[in-house]
């Protein structure tokens, strides 16, 4: 079994893992207004998340 003689730095570890971050974000449609939204985020158009109002949007007239 190999035993490391030196600790692996955060920078070296993160360089090795960079290929994992190249996939684009998964998109879904908002159940309330139908806008395209990133998974697990509040809809920027209507402010709903999972069918419930999360953020009050100001009405400009």
Protein backbone atom coordinates (compact mmCIF):
# COMPACT_ATOMS: atom_id res chain seq x y z
CA UNK A 1 0.00 0.00 0.00
CA UNK A 2 1.20 3.49 -0.83
CA UNK A 3 1.63 5.92 2.06
CA UNK A 4 1.79 9.63 1.21
CA UNK A 5 4.87 11.37 2.55
CA UNK A 6 3.46 14.86 2.05
CA UNK A 7 0.01 16.36 2.37
CA UNK A 8 -1.75 17.18 -0.92
CA UNK A 9 -2.46 20.91 -1.10
CA UNK A 10 -5.95 22.28 -1.79
CA UNK A 11 -4.78 23.78 -5.07
CA UNK A 12 -3.32 20.50 -6.32
CA UNK A 13 -6.44 18.58 -5.26
CA UNK A 14 -8.76 21.07 -6.97
CA UNK A 15 -6.72 21.03 -10.18
CA UNK A 16 -7.23 17.29 -10.33
CA UNK A 17 -11.01 17.67 -9.91
CA UNK A 18 -11.60 20.42 -12.50
CA UNK A 19 -12.97 18.06 -15.15
CA UNK A 20 -15.96 17.30 -12.90
CA UNK A 21 -17.22 20.91 -13.18
CA UNK A 22 -17.50 21.05 -16.98
CA UNK A 23 -21.09 19.74 -17.19
CA UNK A 24 -23.71 22.46 -17.78
CA UNK A 25 -26.37 23.14 -15.17
CA UNK A 26 -29.59 21.13 -15.45
CA UNK A 27 -32.56 23.27 -16.40
CA UNK A 28 -36.26 22.75 -15.72
CA UNK A 29 -39.42 24.69 -16.35
CA UNK A 30 -41.17 26.58 -13.57
CA UNK A 31 -44.38 24.88 -12.47
CA UNK A 32 -46.05 28.25 -11.88
CA UNK A 33 -45.13 30.41 -14.89
CA UNK A 34 -43.30 28.03 -17.24
CA UNK A 35 -40.02 29.98 -17.37
CA UNK A 36 -36.70 28.12 -17.65
CA UNK A 37 -35.12 27.76 -14.20
CA UNK A 38 -32.00 26.09 -12.81
CA UNK A 39 -32.80 23.09 -10.55
CA UNK A 40 -33.15 23.83 -6.80
CA UNK A 41 -33.46 27.60 -7.25
CA UNK A 42 -36.27 30.12 -6.91
CA UNK A 43 -37.81 31.21 -10.23
CA UNK A 44 -36.47 34.69 -11.07
CA UNK A 45 -39.63 35.54 -13.05
CA UNK A 46 -42.39 34.81 -10.52
CA UNK A 47 -40.55 34.06 -7.23
CA UNK A 48 -42.03 30.59 -6.71
CA UNK A 49 -40.12 27.47 -5.58
CA UNK A 50 -41.74 24.02 -5.55
CA UNK A 51 -45.23 25.48 -5.86
CA UNK A 52 -44.90 27.94 -2.98
CA UNK A 53 -44.21 31.67 -3.00
CA UNK A 54 -40.62 32.17 -1.83
CA UNK A 55 -39.88 35.77 -2.83
CA UNK A 56 -42.33 38.65 -3.11
CA UNK A 57 -41.87 40.31 -6.52
CA UNK A 58 -42.57 44.02 -6.86
CA UNK A 59 -45.23 45.00 -9.41
CA UNK A 60 -44.15 47.93 -11.56
CA UNK A 61 -46.90 49.70 -13.43
